[in-house]
């Protein structure tokens, strides 16, 4: 089912980028994806669901990658800024949702369905809010007044670049664009913090009221902290030297898998099951499992 949904999304992206959102019909999308029009409605209720689905996929992928990045120990601010920019660019190129963002049609994202339009806007807001969070984490709270302005400039540059060169982008061009973005960010931060205050484009909250959002940054830091605690608990346990070495090997495997953007949940559950045989490891294992979305729903 997921494969068919992806076929529809990719077909829609191709058609939207060539013809525009409003000029593309469901029948054309179905034909482009190799299915009958009736089959389209097995996966989506209508065309309006497609941009939202694309945005949700992009959001989930970026959230996973941010959590994995911020789970890594001893990251410098330079590492954070570089790796965050790379993961964002790679996801934008892979997802191709950028083709939906700058079409020549007016009010493209104002759907007739107000609830759908509001939901899309909230997802879009979250994607940009994470950029703001990263910049504040790297450069400190002194840029909070201008962080949405910086994000707006970055978004404009990135989307224009990708819109023209996406089909030719690879690891080398992504790295080239990353270096330019980092240079641009540092230049903006240096000038915005100068004695001559700049006018604002956005408020501190951007274009939407501040809301409580899940933070993959905090999740990453918490995972890193709990992994340290788990390792210390094994070292300080009453296990024999031989058993302690075995538990350390299991922990090393668990840590390697947990730090991946898309870890294998079955493997993690098996490794946790082994470690939880020791009572003194159960609490930290439980907390880690919750952060890694392994705990049962009832918990």
Protein backbone atom coordinates (compact mmCIF):
# COMPACT_ATOMS: atom_id res chain seq x y z
CA UNK A 1 0.00 0.00 0.00
CA UNK A 2 2.77 2.45 0.92
CA UNK A 3 4.46 1.79 -2.43
CA UNK A 4 1.26 2.70 -4.31
CA UNK A 5 0.80 5.86 -2.22
CA UNK A 6 4.37 6.88 -3.01
CA UNK A 7 3.77 6.26 -6.74
CA UNK A 8 0.79 8.62 -6.58
CA UNK A 9 2.75 11.28 -4.69
CA UNK A 10 5.68 11.17 -7.12
CA UNK A 11 3.30 11.37 -10.10
CA UNK A 12 1.52 14.34 -8.49
CA UNK A 13 4.81 16.15 -7.87
CA UNK A 14 5.83 15.76 -11.51
CA UNK A 15 2.49 17.07 -12.76
CA UNK A 16 2.21 19.90 -10.22
CA UNK A 17 5.70 21.13 -11.15
CA UNK A 18 4.87 21.09 -14.88
CA UNK A 19 1.22 22.20 -14.96
CA UNK A 20 0.48 23.70 -11.56
CA UNK A 21 -1.64 22.43 -8.71
CA UNK A 22 -5.04 23.68 -9.84
CA UNK A 23 -4.51 22.71 -13.48
CA UNK A 24 -3.81 19.08 -12.61
CA UNK A 25 -6.73 16.68 -12.27
CA UNK A 26 -7.05 13.52 -10.19
CA UNK A 27 -7.54 11.59 -13.42
CA UNK A 28 -4.19 12.85 -14.75
CA UNK A 29 -2.43 11.96 -11.49
CA UNK A 30 -3.91 8.46 -11.54
CA UNK A 31 -2.86 7.94 -15.17
CA UNK A 32 0.66 9.25 -14.49
CA UNK A 33 1.00 6.82 -11.58
CA UNK A 34 -0.21 3.89 -13.71
CA UNK A 35 -3.64 3.27 -12.22
CA UNK A 36 -7.31 3.96 -12.86
CA UNK A 37 -8.96 7.04 -11.37
CA UNK A 38 -11.07 4.89 -9.05
CA UNK A 39 -7.90 3.34 -7.60
CA UNK A 40 -6.64 6.79 -6.58
CA UNK A 41 -9.48 7.09 -4.07
CA UNK A 42 -8.38 3.91 -2.31
CA UNK A 43 -5.38 5.84 -1.01
CA UNK A 44 -6.50 9.50 -0.89
CA UNK A 45 -9.90 11.17 -0.53
CA UNK A 46 -8.92 13.91 -2.95
CA UNK A 47 -6.13 15.93 -4.53
CA UNK A 48 -5.96 18.31 -1.58
CA UNK A 49 -4.54 15.57 0.66
CA UNK A 50 -1.39 15.22 -1.46
CA UNK A 51 0.51 18.39 -0.41
CA UNK A 52 -0.23 17.61 3.25
CA UNK A 53 1.02 14.03 2.86
CA UNK A 54 4.24 15.28 1.26
CA UNK A 55 4.80 17.75 4.08
CA UNK A 56 4.15 15.12 6.78
CA UNK A 57 6.65 12.70 5.19
CA UNK A 58 9.26 15.46 5.00
CA UNK A 59 8.60 16.46 8.61
CA UNK A 60 8.92 12.90 9.91
CA UNK A 61 12.17 12.28 8.05
CA UNK A 62 13.75 15.52 9.22
CA UNK A 63 12.61 14.92 12.80
CA UNK A 64 14.26 11.47 12.81
CA UNK A 65 17.49 12.90 11.43
CA UNK A 66 17.59 15.77 13.93
CA UNK A 67 17.05 13.36 16.82
CA UNK A 68 19.87 11.16 15.54
CA UNK A 69 22.17 14.17 15.10
CA UNK A 70 21.54 15.53 18.59
CA UNK A 71 22.01 12.05 20.08
CA UNK A 72 25.68 12.14 19.09
CA UNK A 73 28.13 13.02 21.87
CA UNK A 74 30.60 15.92 21.81
CA UNK A 75 29.15 17.79 18.84
CA UNK A 76 30.71 21.22 18.31
CA UNK A 77 28.59 24.15 17.20
CA UNK A 78 30.28 23.94 13.80
CA UNK A 79 29.31 20.26 13.56
CA UNK A 80 25.71 21.02 14.51
CA UNK A 81 25.34 23.80 11.97
CA UNK A 82 26.98 21.83 9.16
CA UNK A 83 25.27 18.49 9.77
CA UNK A 84 21.86 20.08 10.38
CA UNK A 85 22.09 21.98 7.09
CA UNK A 86 23.14 18.86 5.18
CA UNK A 87 20.33 16.70 6.59
CA UNK A 88 17.76 19.40 5.82
CA UNK A 89 18.95 19.82 2.23
CA UNK A 90 19.11 16.08 1.59
CA UNK A 91 15.55 15.62 2.80
CA UNK A 92 14.26 18.53 0.71
CA UNK A 93 15.88 17.13 -2.43
CA UNK A 94 14.67 13.60 -1.74
CA UNK A 95 11.09 14.59 -0.84
CA UNK A 96 10.68 17.14 -3.67
CA UNK A 97 8.03 19.02 -1.72
CA UNK A 98 9.89 22.20 -2.76
CA UNK A 99 8.21 21.85 -6.15
CA UNK A 100 4.93 22.64 -4.39
CA UNK A 101 6.18 25.76 -2.66
CA UNK A 102 6.82 28.23 -5.45
CA UNK A 103 4.26 27.71 -8.20
CA UNK A 104 3.09 30.61 -10.41
CA UNK A 105 -0.50 30.26 -9.20
CA UNK A 106 -1.76 32.68 -6.53
CA UNK A 107 -2.77 31.35 -3.12
CA UNK A 108 -1.70 27.82 -4.02
CA UNK A 109 -1.76 26.67 -0.43
CA UNK A 110 -5.12 28.20 0.47
CA UNK A 111 -7.28 25.14 0.01
CA UNK A 112 -11.03 25.28 -0.05
CA UNK A 113 -10.90 23.00 2.98
CA UNK A 114 -9.95 25.42 5.80
CA UNK A 115 -9.07 22.65 8.24
CA UNK A 116 -6.68 21.07 5.73
CA UNK A 117 -5.10 24.42 5.00
CA UNK A 118 -4.62 25.09 8.73
CA UNK A 119 -3.07 21.64 9.25
CA UNK A 120 -0.65 22.17 6.37
CA UNK A 121 0.36 25.54 7.78
CA UNK A 122 1.06 24.01 11.18
CA UNK A 123 3.31 21.34 9.67
CA UNK A 124 5.13 23.96 7.59
CA UNK A 125 5.55 26.12 10.69
CA UNK A 126 7.12 23.23 12.57
CA UNK A 127 9.68 22.66 9.80
CA UNK A 128 10.81 26.29 9.97
CA UNK A 129 10.65 26.41 13.76
CA UNK A 130 13.26 23.64 13.88
CA UNK A 131 15.61 25.80 11.82
CA UNK A 132 15.13 28.60 14.34
CA UNK A 133 15.79 26.21 17.23
CA UNK A 134 19.04 25.02 15.66
CA UNK A 135 20.27 28.57 15.01
CA UNK A 136 19.52 29.65 18.59
CA UNK A 137 21.25 26.53 19.91
CA UNK A 138 24.37 27.28 17.84
CA UNK A 139 24.57 31.09 18.15
CA UNK A 140 22.87 31.62 21.50
CA UNK A 141 19.78 33.57 22.69
CA UNK A 142 21.17 36.90 21.43
CA UNK A 143 19.76 36.13 17.95
CA UNK A 144 16.22 35.29 19.12
CA UNK A 145 14.84 38.67 17.98
CA UNK A 146 16.07 38.04 14.43
CA UNK A 147 16.04 34.27 14.07
CA UNK A 148 12.83 34.20 12.00
CA UNK A 149 14.24 36.87 9.69
CA UNK A 150 17.37 34.76 9.13
CA UNK A 151 15.22 31.69 8.52
CA UNK A 152 13.14 33.57 5.95
CA UNK A 153 16.27 34.58 4.01
CA UNK A 154 17.67 31.03 4.14
CA UNK A 155 14.38 29.53 2.98
CA UNK A 156 14.28 31.89 -0.01
CA UNK A 157 17.85 31.12 -1.08
CA UNK A 158 17.54 27.36 -0.62
CA UNK A 159 14.23 26.95 -2.41
CA UNK A 160 15.34 29.05 -5.38
CA UNK A 161 18.57 27.09 -5.69
CA UNK A 162 16.90 23.70 -5.38
CA UNK A 163 14.05 24.67 -7.70
CA UNK A 164 16.54 25.23 -10.54
CA UNK A 165 19.22 22.64 -9.78
CA UNK A 166 17.49 19.79 -7.89
CA UNK A 167 17.79 17.28 -10.72
CA UNK A 168 21.55 17.81 -10.76
CA UNK A 169 22.11 17.83 -7.01
CA UNK A 170 24.31 15.21 -5.36
CA UNK A 171 26.49 14.99 -2.25
CA UNK A 172 29.05 17.37 -3.76
CA UNK A 173 26.55 20.09 -4.71
CA UNK A 174 24.74 19.72 -1.37
CA UNK A 175 28.05 20.27 0.43
CA UNK A 176 28.76 23.30 -1.78
CA UNK A 177 25.35 24.79 -0.97
CA UNK A 178 25.85 23.96 2.72
CA UNK A 179 29.09 25.95 2.84
CA UNK A 180 27.39 28.94 1.20
CA UNK A 181 24.47 28.77 3.64
CA UNK A 182 26.83 28.63 6.62
CA UNK A 183 28.69 31.66 5.27
CA UNK A 184 25.39 33.48 4.78
CA UNK A 185 24.15 32.62 8.29
CA UNK A 186 27.36 33.83 9.93
CA UNK A 187 27.26 37.06 7.91
CA UNK A 188 23.63 37.71 8.86
CA UNK A 189 24.25 36.96 12.54
CA UNK A 190 27.28 39.26 12.61
CA UNK A 191 25.37 42.13 11.00
CA UNK A 192 22.13 41.68 12.95
CA UNK A 193 24.08 41.79 16.21
CA UNK A 194 25.83 45.02 15.22
CA UNK A 195 25.21 48.36 16.94
CA UNK A 196 22.89 49.51 14.12
CA UNK A 197 19.62 47.56 14.64
CA UNK A 198 17.97 46.06 11.55
CA UNK A 199 14.22 46.25 10.86
CA UNK A 200 12.18 43.11 11.49
CA UNK A 201 10.36 41.07 8.86
CA UNK A 202 8.86 38.62 11.36
CA UNK A 203 8.09 38.66 15.05
CA UNK A 204 9.84 36.33 17.47
CA UNK A 205 7.12 33.76 16.79
CA UNK A 206 7.22 33.91 13.01
CA UNK A 207 3.86 33.99 11.24
CA UNK A 208 1.99 31.86 13.78
CA UNK A 209 1.47 32.17 17.54
CA UNK A 210 4.05 30.29 19.58
CA UNK A 211 2.89 26.76 20.26
CA UNK A 212 4.18 23.76 22.11
CA UNK A 213 5.99 21.53 19.61
CA UNK A 214 7.74 18.25 20.09
CA UNK A 215 11.47 18.88 19.98
CA UNK A 216 13.75 16.37 18.27
CA UNK A 217 16.66 18.46 19.60
CA UNK A 218 15.66 17.71 23.20
CA UNK A 219 14.96 14.07 22.34
CA UNK A 220 18.43 13.71 20.91
CA UNK A 221 20.08 15.26 23.95
CA UNK A 222 18.03 13.05 26.30
CA UNK A 223 18.96 9.91 24.36
CA UNK A 224 22.62 10.88 24.57
CA UNK A 225 22.35 11.48 28.33
CA UNK A 226 20.53 8.19 28.98
CA UNK A 227 23.05 6.22 26.92
CA UNK A 228 25.79 7.65 29.15
CA UNK A 229 23.78 6.65 32.23
CA UNK A 230 23.23 3.13 30.91
CA UNK A 231 26.92 2.70 30.17
CA UNK A 232 27.86 3.96 33.66
CA UNK A 233 25.29 1.64 35.26
CA UNK A 234 26.87 -1.36 33.56
CA UNK A 235 30.37 -0.30 34.64
CA UNK A 236 29.23 0.22 38.25
CA UNK A 237 27.15 -2.95 38.43
CA UNK A 238 27.98 -5.99 40.57
CA UNK A 239 28.40 -8.18 37.49
CA UNK A 240 31.46 -10.35 37.21
CA UNK A 241 34.20 -9.09 34.91
CA UNK A 242 33.25 -11.61 32.23
CA UNK A 243 29.52 -10.76 32.40
CA UNK A 244 30.29 -7.05 32.48
CA UNK A 245 32.25 -7.35 29.24
CA UNK A 246 29.33 -9.18 27.65
CA UNK A 247 26.87 -6.49 28.74
CA UNK A 248 29.20 -3.80 27.43
CA UNK A 249 29.24 -5.52 24.04
CA UNK A 250 25.43 -5.61 24.00
CA UNK A 251 25.36 -1.95 25.02
CA UNK A 252 27.76 -1.05 22.19
CA UNK A 253 25.44 -2.71 19.66
CA UNK A 254 22.41 -0.94 21.16
CA UNK A 255 24.14 2.45 21.13
CA UNK A 256 25.21 2.05 17.50
CA UNK A 257 21.64 1.20 16.44
CA UNK A 258 19.96 3.82 18.65
CA UNK A 259 22.03 6.64 17.12
CA UNK A 260 20.81 5.87 13.61
CA UNK A 261 18.14 8.09 12.05
CA UNK A 262 15.96 5.03 11.33
CA UNK A 263 16.97 2.30 13.80
CA UNK A 264 15.71 -1.27 13.52
CA UNK A 265 13.11 -1.51 16.27
CA UNK A 266 13.16 -5.31 16.36
CA UNK A 267 16.91 -5.34 16.99
CA UNK A 268 16.64 -2.64 19.66
CA UNK A 269 13.88 -4.54 21.48
CA UNK A 270 16.00 -7.70 21.53
CA UNK A 271 19.02 -5.82 22.89
CA UNK A 272 16.94 -4.06 25.55
CA UNK A 273 15.39 -7.39 26.53
CA UNK A 274 18.86 -8.75 27.25
CA UNK A 275 19.98 -5.71 29.27
CA UNK A 276 16.76 -5.61 31.30
CA UNK A 277 17.61 -8.96 32.86
CA UNK A 278 19.59 -6.87 35.35
CA UNK A 279 17.29 -5.01 37.75
CA UNK A 280 19.67 -2.06 38.12
CA UNK A 281 19.47 -1.41 34.36
CA UNK A 282 15.69 -1.61 34.00
CA UNK A 283 14.81 2.01 34.83
CA UNK A 284 17.20 3.66 32.38
CA UNK A 285 16.28 1.07 29.73
CA UNK A 286 12.61 1.93 30.21
CA UNK A 287 13.29 5.67 29.76
CA UNK A 288 15.38 5.03 26.66
CA UNK A 289 12.70 2.81 25.15
CA UNK A 290 10.12 5.56 25.57
CA UNK A 291 12.33 8.08 23.77
CA UNK A 292 12.98 5.58 20.98
CA UNK A 293 9.24 4.86 20.62
CA UNK A 294 9.66 1.26 21.79
CA UNK A 295 7.50 1.37 24.91
CA UNK A 296 3.97 -0.12 24.70
CA UNK A 297 1.17 2.38 24.00
CA UNK A 298 -0.31 1.79 27.47
CA UNK A 299 2.81 3.28 29.03
